[in-house]
């Protein structure tokens, strides 16, 4: 099955995430061995991107993307679905006046 996002074919999971988010994954996750100065610059760039109107929904998009991945491939995150407790409504006491 081909993964096509915005007209571009994603071969790897990283490419899929980059195409879906419109930014490189390393910007958000960092890279191994980065210095404190490099990390500060990366986080500053990330804040600038999140401030831009085009990316104002990026956190929500990222959550939807992660939820979709967990739904399709829970083994990638080693996620175990938890049973949801039933919701109980507390009985109201008293009489409305």
N, C-alpha and C. Protein backbone atom coordinates (compact mmCIF):
# COMPACT_ATOMS: atom_id res chain seq x y z
N UNK A 1 0.84 -1.17 0.00
CA UNK A 1 0.00 0.00 0.00
C UNK A 1 0.89 1.24 0.00
N UNK A 2 0.56 2.20 -0.85
CA UNK A 2 1.33 3.43 -0.92
C UNK A 2 0.75 4.46 0.04
N UNK A 3 1.64 5.22 0.67
CA UNK A 3 1.23 6.33 1.53
C UNK A 3 1.52 7.61 0.78
N UNK A 4 0.47 8.29 0.37
CA UNK A 4 0.63 9.53 -0.37
C UNK A 4 0.02 10.66 0.44
N UNK A 5 0.82 11.68 0.70
CA UNK A 5 0.39 12.84 1.46
C UNK A 5 0.67 14.07 0.62
N UNK A 6 -0.37 14.85 0.38
CA UNK A 6 -0.24 16.09 -0.38
C UNK A 6 0.47 15.86 -1.72
N UNK A 7 0.16 14.75 -2.37
CA UNK A 7 0.72 14.47 -3.69
C UNK A 7 2.12 13.89 -3.67
N UNK A 8 2.70 13.67 -2.51
CA UNK A 8 4.05 13.12 -2.39
C UNK A 8 3.97 11.73 -1.76
N UNK A 9 4.76 10.80 -2.30
CA UNK A 9 4.75 9.45 -1.75
C UNK A 9 5.74 9.35 -0.61
N UNK A 10 5.26 8.85 0.52
CA UNK A 10 6.10 8.64 1.69
C UNK A 10 6.55 7.19 1.72
N UNK A 11 7.84 6.97 1.75
CA UNK A 11 8.39 5.61 1.78
C UNK A 11 8.57 5.13 3.21
N UNK A 12 9.07 5.99 4.08
CA UNK A 12 9.31 5.61 5.47
C UNK A 12 8.32 6.31 6.40
N UNK A 13 8.25 5.84 7.64
CA UNK A 13 7.38 6.48 8.62
C UNK A 13 7.81 7.91 8.88
N UNK A 14 9.10 8.17 8.86
CA UNK A 14 9.60 9.53 9.07
C UNK A 14 9.16 10.44 7.94
N UNK A 15 9.26 9.96 6.70
CA UNK A 15 8.81 10.77 5.56
C UNK A 15 7.31 11.05 5.66
N UNK A 16 6.53 10.06 6.07
CA UNK A 16 5.09 10.24 6.23
C UNK A 16 4.81 11.34 7.25
N UNK A 17 5.48 11.28 8.40
CA UNK A 17 5.27 12.28 9.45
C UNK A 17 5.68 13.67 8.96
N UNK A 18 6.81 13.77 8.26
CA UNK A 18 7.26 15.06 7.74
C UNK A 18 6.27 15.64 6.74
N UNK A 19 5.75 14.79 5.85
CA UNK A 19 4.78 15.27 4.87
C UNK A 19 3.46 15.65 5.55
N UNK A 20 3.04 14.87 6.52
CA UNK A 20 1.78 15.16 7.20
C UNK A 20 1.86 16.44 8.02
N UNK A 21 3.00 16.66 8.67
CA UNK A 21 3.15 17.83 9.53
C UNK A 21 3.66 19.06 8.79
N UNK A 22 4.35 18.85 7.69
CA UNK A 22 4.90 19.98 6.95
C UNK A 22 6.19 20.50 7.53
N UNK A 23 6.78 19.79 8.46
CA UNK A 23 8.06 20.18 9.06
C UNK A 23 8.89 18.92 9.30
N UNK A 24 10.20 19.07 9.38
CA UNK A 24 11.03 17.90 9.68
C UNK A 24 10.79 17.39 11.10
N UNK A 25 10.78 16.09 11.26
CA UNK A 25 10.55 15.47 12.57
C UNK A 25 11.63 15.89 13.56
N UNK A 26 12.85 16.04 13.10
CA UNK A 26 13.96 16.40 13.98
C UNK A 26 13.74 17.73 14.67
N UNK A 27 12.96 18.62 14.03
CA UNK A 27 12.68 19.92 14.65
C UNK A 27 11.97 19.75 15.98
N UNK A 28 11.10 18.76 16.07
CA UNK A 28 10.29 18.55 17.27
C UNK A 28 10.94 17.56 18.23
N UNK A 29 11.65 16.59 17.69
CA UNK A 29 12.22 15.54 18.53
C UNK A 29 13.69 15.77 18.87
N UNK A 30 14.36 16.60 18.10
CA UNK A 30 15.79 16.81 18.31
C UNK A 30 16.60 15.70 17.67
N UNK A 31 17.90 15.81 17.80
CA UNK A 31 18.81 14.80 17.26
C UNK A 31 19.78 14.38 18.36
N UNK A 32 20.22 13.17 18.27
CA UNK A 32 21.15 12.65 19.27
C UNK A 32 22.44 13.45 19.24
N UNK A 33 22.90 13.83 20.42
CA UNK A 33 24.18 14.52 20.53
C UNK A 33 24.12 16.02 20.29
N UNK A 34 22.92 16.60 20.21
CA UNK A 34 22.86 18.04 19.98
C UNK A 34 23.32 18.78 21.23
N UNK A 35 23.95 19.91 21.02
CA UNK A 35 24.45 20.71 22.14
C UNK A 35 23.30 21.51 22.74
N UNK A 36 23.53 22.08 23.90
CA UNK A 36 22.52 22.93 24.53
C UNK A 36 22.18 24.12 23.64
N UNK A 37 23.18 24.65 22.98
CA UNK A 37 22.96 25.79 22.07
C UNK A 37 22.13 25.37 20.86
N UNK A 38 22.41 24.20 20.30
CA UNK A 38 21.63 23.70 19.16
C UNK A 38 20.19 23.41 19.59
N UNK A 39 20.01 22.86 20.77
CA UNK A 39 18.67 22.57 21.28
C UNK A 39 17.89 23.86 21.46
N UNK A 40 18.52 24.88 22.05
CA UNK A 40 17.85 26.16 22.25
C UNK A 40 17.44 26.77 20.91
N UNK A 41 18.32 26.70 19.92
CA UNK A 41 18.00 27.24 18.59
C UNK A 41 16.86 26.47 17.95
N UNK A 42 16.86 25.14 18.10
CA UNK A 42 15.80 24.30 17.53
C UNK A 42 14.47 24.62 18.17
N UNK A 43 14.44 24.73 19.49
CA UNK A 43 13.20 25.05 20.19
C UNK A 43 12.70 26.45 19.87
N UNK A 44 13.62 27.38 19.67
CA UNK A 44 13.25 28.74 19.27
C UNK A 44 12.60 28.73 17.89
N UNK A 45 13.18 27.95 16.97
CA UNK A 45 12.59 27.83 15.63
C UNK A 45 11.21 27.17 15.71
N UNK A 46 11.07 26.18 16.55
CA UNK A 46 9.77 25.50 16.71
C UNK A 46 8.72 26.48 17.24
N UNK A 47 9.10 27.32 18.21
CA UNK A 47 8.16 28.32 18.72
C UNK A 47 7.76 29.31 17.63
N UNK A 48 8.71 29.71 16.80
CA UNK A 48 8.40 30.62 15.69
C UNK A 48 7.40 29.97 14.73
N UNK A 49 7.59 28.70 14.45
CA UNK A 49 6.68 27.99 13.54
C UNK A 49 5.29 27.92 14.14
N UNK A 50 5.19 27.57 15.41
CA UNK A 50 3.88 27.46 16.05
C UNK A 50 3.17 28.81 16.13
N UNK A 51 3.93 29.90 16.12
CA UNK A 51 3.33 31.23 16.17
C UNK A 51 2.77 31.65 14.81
N UNK A 52 3.22 31.02 13.73
CA UNK A 52 2.77 31.37 12.39
C UNK A 52 1.34 30.87 12.17
N UNK A 53 0.45 31.70 11.61
CA UNK A 53 -0.95 31.29 11.43
C UNK A 53 -1.13 29.98 10.64
N UNK A 54 -0.24 29.72 9.70
CA UNK A 54 -0.34 28.49 8.89
C UNK A 54 -0.23 27.24 9.75
N UNK A 55 0.49 27.33 10.84
CA UNK A 55 0.75 26.17 11.69
C UNK A 55 0.01 26.22 13.02
N UNK A 56 -0.98 27.09 13.16
CA UNK A 56 -1.67 27.22 14.45
C UNK A 56 -2.36 25.94 14.88
N UNK A 57 -2.72 25.08 13.93
CA UNK A 57 -3.38 23.81 14.25
C UNK A 57 -2.40 22.65 14.35
N UNK A 58 -1.12 22.92 14.25
CA UNK A 58 -0.12 21.85 14.24
C UNK A 58 -0.19 20.95 15.48
N UNK A 59 -0.31 21.48 16.70
CA UNK A 59 -0.42 20.56 17.84
C UNK A 59 -1.61 19.61 17.72
N UNK A 60 -2.75 20.13 17.27
CA UNK A 60 -3.92 19.27 17.09
C UNK A 60 -3.69 18.25 15.99
N UNK A 61 -3.04 18.70 14.90
CA UNK A 61 -2.74 17.78 13.79
C UNK A 61 -1.82 16.67 14.25
N UNK A 62 -0.84 17.02 15.07
CA UNK A 62 0.11 16.03 15.58
C UNK A 62 -0.60 15.00 16.46
N UNK A 63 -1.51 15.47 17.29
CA UNK A 63 -2.25 14.55 18.16
C UNK A 63 -3.11 13.61 17.31
N UNK A 64 -3.77 14.16 16.27
CA UNK A 64 -4.58 13.31 15.39
C UNK A 64 -3.70 12.28 14.67
N UNK A 65 -2.52 12.71 14.22
CA UNK A 65 -1.60 11.80 13.53
C UNK A 65 -1.16 10.69 14.48
N UNK A 66 -0.78 11.06 15.70
CA UNK A 66 -0.35 10.04 16.67
C UNK A 66 -1.49 9.09 17.00
N UNK A 67 -2.70 9.62 17.15
CA UNK A 67 -3.85 8.76 17.45
C UNK A 67 -4.11 7.79 16.31
N UNK A 68 -3.95 8.27 15.09
CA UNK A 68 -4.16 7.40 13.92
C UNK A 68 -3.12 6.29 13.88
N UNK A 69 -1.88 6.65 14.18
CA UNK A 69 -0.81 5.64 14.19
C UNK A 69 -1.07 4.61 15.28
N UNK A 70 -1.46 5.07 16.47
CA UNK A 70 -1.76 4.16 17.58
C UNK A 70 -2.91 3.25 17.20
N UNK A 71 -3.92 3.80 16.51
CA UNK A 71 -5.08 3.01 16.11
C UNK A 71 -4.70 1.96 15.07
N UNK A 72 -3.88 2.36 14.09
CA UNK A 72 -3.49 1.46 13.00
C UNK A 72 -2.37 0.50 13.38
N UNK A 73 -1.39 1.00 14.14
CA UNK A 73 -0.21 0.21 14.49
C UNK A 73 0.18 0.41 15.94
N UNK A 74 -0.61 -0.12 16.89
CA UNK A 74 -0.29 0.09 18.31
C UNK A 74 1.07 -0.47 18.71
N UNK A 75 1.57 -1.44 17.94
CA UNK A 75 2.87 -2.01 18.26
C UNK A 75 4.00 -0.99 18.14
N UNK A 76 3.81 0.07 17.34
CA UNK A 76 4.86 1.08 17.19
C UNK A 76 5.09 1.84 18.50
N UNK A 77 4.04 2.01 19.28
CA UNK A 77 4.16 2.72 20.54
C UNK A 77 4.08 1.77 21.73
N UNK A 78 3.90 0.48 21.47
CA UNK A 78 3.74 -0.51 22.51
C UNK A 78 2.62 -0.09 23.46
N UNK A 79 1.49 0.27 22.85
CA UNK A 79 0.34 0.79 23.60
C UNK A 79 -0.65 -0.33 23.86
N UNK A 80 -1.17 -0.38 25.06
CA UNK A 80 -2.20 -1.34 25.42
C UNK A 80 -3.48 -0.56 25.69
N UNK A 81 -4.54 -0.83 24.93
CA UNK A 81 -5.79 -0.09 25.18
C UNK A 81 -6.32 -0.40 26.58
N UNK A 82 -6.80 0.62 27.25
CA UNK A 82 -7.37 0.46 28.58
C UNK A 82 -8.88 0.50 28.49
N UNK A 83 -9.53 -0.29 29.32
CA UNK A 83 -10.99 -0.27 29.36
C UNK A 83 -11.43 1.05 29.99
N UNK A 84 -12.46 1.64 29.42
CA UNK A 84 -12.97 2.88 29.96
C UNK A 84 -14.03 2.58 31.00
N UNK A 85 -13.95 3.20 32.16
CA UNK A 85 -14.97 2.96 33.17
C UNK A 85 -16.30 3.55 32.73
N UNK A 86 -17.38 2.91 33.16
CA UNK A 86 -18.71 3.42 32.84
C UNK A 86 -18.92 4.73 33.59
N UNK A 87 -19.58 5.67 32.93
CA UNK A 87 -19.86 6.96 33.56
C UNK A 87 -21.13 6.83 34.39
N UNK A 88 -21.06 7.28 35.61
CA UNK A 88 -22.23 7.26 36.49
C UNK A 88 -22.61 8.70 36.80
N UNK A 89 -23.88 8.99 36.69
CA UNK A 89 -24.37 10.31 37.05
C UNK A 89 -24.83 10.28 38.50
N UNK A 90 -24.38 11.24 39.24
CA UNK A 90 -24.80 11.34 40.64
C UNK A 90 -26.27 11.78 40.68
N UNK A 91 -27.03 11.13 41.52
CA UNK A 91 -28.45 11.51 41.67
C UNK A 91 -28.52 12.87 42.34
N UNK A 92 -29.39 13.72 41.84
CA UNK A 92 -29.55 15.06 42.42
C UNK A 92 -30.50 14.95 43.63
N UNK A 93 -30.11 15.62 44.66
CA UNK A 93 -30.94 15.63 45.87
C UNK A 93 -31.58 17.01 46.00
N UNK A 94 -32.76 17.02 46.53
CA UNK A 94 -33.44 18.28 46.73
C UNK A 94 -34.47 18.53 45.66
N UNK A 95 -35.19 19.59 45.82
CA UNK A 95 -36.27 19.96 44.91
C UNK A 95 -35.98 21.33 44.35
N UNK A 96 -36.19 21.48 43.06
CA UNK A 96 -35.99 22.79 42.46
C UNK A 96 -37.12 23.70 42.89
N UNK A 97 -36.76 24.92 43.21
CA UNK A 97 -37.79 25.86 43.68
C UNK A 97 -38.22 26.79 42.60
